[in-house]
């Protein structure tokens, strides 16, 4: 858990991150979320917060970030959302929706809204999750 919190703290100033720093943090986040044995939601919450902070670094930094690392993290986030112990995790730049895959399901639609709609959706999502007790922060 120390590693998850340390990386979250080190990425808390996204404007100071370099592409190399981002790649390293992405690799660590990938390792933390892909571990089948960790089972700690505290680690998952901290790691998703780290990824959200990385997304604040600015688009000019991402062309030099390792593409394989980003691709692996995207796949790991997808796999994480399918795990039984996953919960819905909401951060300013990233939400991981837990999804229980049912046999026979052929399609899943995911929607991303940014700009003026994002604020409304974020506030609405937080209210509805808090009512059901599913949000972790």
Protein backbone atom coordinates (compact mmCIF):
# COMPACT_ATOMS: atom_id res chain seq x y z
CA UNK A 1 0.00 0.00 0.00
CA UNK A 2 2.95 2.28 0.64
CA UNK A 3 3.92 2.18 -3.05
CA UNK A 4 0.38 3.17 -4.17
CA UNK A 5 0.26 6.15 -1.81
CA UNK A 6 3.83 7.19 -2.67
CA UNK A 7 3.11 7.26 -6.41
CA UNK A 8 -0.10 9.21 -5.77
CA UNK A 9 1.86 11.83 -3.82
CA UNK A 10 4.65 12.00 -6.44
CA UNK A 11 2.11 12.64 -9.22
CA UNK A 12 0.10 15.22 -7.27
CA UNK A 13 1.69 18.10 -9.19
CA UNK A 14 0.96 17.01 -12.78
CA UNK A 15 2.36 20.21 -14.27
CA UNK A 16 5.82 19.14 -13.05
CA UNK A 17 5.71 15.66 -14.59
CA UNK A 18 7.88 14.73 -17.55
CA UNK A 19 6.97 12.06 -20.13
CA UNK A 20 9.52 9.78 -18.43
CA UNK A 21 7.85 10.34 -15.02
CA UNK A 22 4.45 9.63 -16.54
CA UNK A 23 5.66 6.40 -18.13
CA UNK A 24 7.14 5.22 -14.82
CA UNK A 25 3.93 6.07 -12.92
CA UNK A 26 1.81 4.34 -15.59
CA UNK A 27 3.94 1.18 -15.26
CA UNK A 28 3.58 1.21 -11.47
CA UNK A 29 -0.19 1.81 -11.68
CA UNK A 30 -0.44 -1.07 -14.14
CA UNK A 31 1.46 -3.36 -11.76
CA UNK A 32 -0.67 -2.36 -8.76
CA UNK A 33 -4.01 -2.82 -10.52
CA UNK A 34 -3.07 -6.03 -12.32
CA UNK A 35 -2.07 -7.86 -9.15
CA UNK A 36 -4.73 -10.50 -8.62
CA UNK A 37 -3.56 -11.12 -5.07
CA UNK A 38 -3.53 -7.61 -3.58
CA UNK A 39 -7.28 -7.47 -2.98
CA UNK A 40 -7.00 -4.07 -1.31
CA UNK A 41 -9.53 -1.46 -2.37
CA UNK A 42 -7.33 1.18 -0.70
CA UNK A 43 -4.62 0.38 -3.24
CA UNK A 44 -7.14 0.52 -6.08
CA UNK A 45 -8.55 3.88 -4.92
CA UNK A 46 -5.07 5.38 -4.62
CA UNK A 47 -3.99 3.98 -7.99
CA UNK A 48 -7.07 5.28 -9.82
CA UNK A 49 -6.43 8.69 -8.20
CA UNK A 50 -2.87 8.52 -9.54
CA UNK A 51 -4.09 7.80 -13.08
CA UNK A 52 -6.54 10.69 -12.79
CA UNK A 53 -3.68 12.99 -11.77
CA UNK A 54 -1.59 11.77 -14.70
CA UNK A 55 -4.39 12.71 -17.06
CA UNK A 56 -4.05 16.30 -15.77
CA UNK A 57 -0.46 16.51 -16.97
CA UNK A 58 -1.44 18.08 -20.28
CA UNK A 59 -1.73 16.68 -23.79
CA UNK A 60 1.66 18.07 -24.87
CA UNK A 61 3.43 15.55 -22.61
CA UNK A 62 1.71 12.40 -23.86
CA UNK A 63 3.24 12.06 -27.36
CA UNK A 64 6.52 11.03 -25.68
CA UNK A 65 4.94 8.67 -23.14
CA UNK A 66 5.52 4.99 -23.89
CA UNK A 67 2.52 3.78 -25.93
CA UNK A 68 2.85 0.16 -24.78
CA UNK A 69 2.67 1.28 -21.15
CA UNK A 70 -0.50 3.30 -21.85
CA UNK A 71 -2.05 0.42 -23.78
CA UNK A 72 -1.25 -2.04 -20.99
CA UNK A 73 -2.78 0.27 -18.40
CA UNK A 74 -5.94 0.67 -20.47
CA UNK A 75 -6.28 -3.12 -20.67
CA UNK A 76 -5.56 -3.49 -16.95
CA UNK A 77 -8.25 -0.92 -16.06
CA UNK A 78 -10.69 -2.86 -18.22
CA UNK A 79 -9.78 -6.16 -16.53
CA UNK A 80 -9.93 -4.53 -13.09
CA UNK A 81 -13.51 -3.37 -13.73
CA UNK A 82 -14.51 -6.99 -14.41
CA UNK A 83 -13.12 -8.39 -11.16
CA UNK A 84 -15.59 -9.51 -8.52
CA UNK A 85 -14.16 -7.29 -5.76
CA UNK A 86 -14.16 -4.14 -7.91
CA UNK A 87 -16.20 -1.14 -6.87
CA UNK A 88 -17.07 2.04 -8.71
CA UNK A 89 -14.18 4.45 -8.41
CA UNK A 90 -14.70 8.11 -9.32
CA UNK A 91 -11.93 10.68 -9.64
CA UNK A 92 -11.92 14.07 -11.43
CA UNK A 93 -10.44 12.71 -14.70
CA UNK A 94 -11.32 9.04 -14.52
CA UNK A 95 -14.18 6.83 -13.45
CA UNK A 96 -13.90 3.06 -13.29
CA UNK A 97 -17.31 1.45 -13.45
CA UNK A 98 -17.48 -2.08 -12.12
CA UNK A 99 -19.17 -4.33 -14.63
CA UNK A 100 -20.45 -7.84 -14.06
CA UNK A 101 -20.15 -9.65 -17.37
CA UNK A 102 -23.05 -11.99 -18.07
CA UNK A 103 -22.79 -14.91 -20.48
CA UNK A 104 -24.25 -14.00 -23.83
CA UNK A 105 -23.51 -10.27 -23.51
CA UNK A 106 -22.15 -9.13 -26.84
CA UNK A 107 -21.82 -5.35 -26.49
CA UNK A 108 -21.08 -2.81 -23.81
CA UNK A 109 -21.44 0.91 -24.46
CA UNK A 110 -19.20 3.33 -22.61
CA UNK A 111 -19.75 7.07 -22.83
CA UNK A 112 -17.37 9.90 -21.98
CA UNK A 113 -18.64 13.43 -21.60
CA UNK A 114 -16.32 16.39 -21.20
CA UNK A 115 -16.69 20.14 -21.04
CA UNK A 116 -19.91 21.68 -19.81
CA UNK A 117 -21.63 18.29 -19.51
CA UNK A 118 -18.87 16.76 -17.41
CA UNK A 119 -19.58 18.87 -14.31
CA UNK A 120 -23.26 18.00 -14.33
CA UNK A 121 -22.57 14.31 -14.93
CA UNK A 122 -19.94 14.19 -12.18
CA UNK A 123 -22.25 15.82 -9.65
CA UNK A 124 -25.16 13.60 -10.66
CA UNK A 125 -23.02 10.44 -10.56
CA UNK A 126 -21.64 11.24 -7.14
CA UNK A 127 -25.10 11.89 -5.74
CA UNK A 128 -26.55 8.67 -7.10
CA UNK A 129 -23.55 6.58 -5.99
CA UNK A 130 -23.55 8.08 -2.51
CA UNK A 131 -27.21 7.18 -2.11
CA UNK A 132 -26.43 3.54 -2.94
CA UNK A 133 -23.18 3.53 -0.98
CA UNK A 134 -21.07 2.45 -3.96
CA UNK A 135 -18.66 5.38 -4.22
CA UNK A 136 -15.15 5.12 -2.85
CA UNK A 137 -12.95 8.18 -2.45
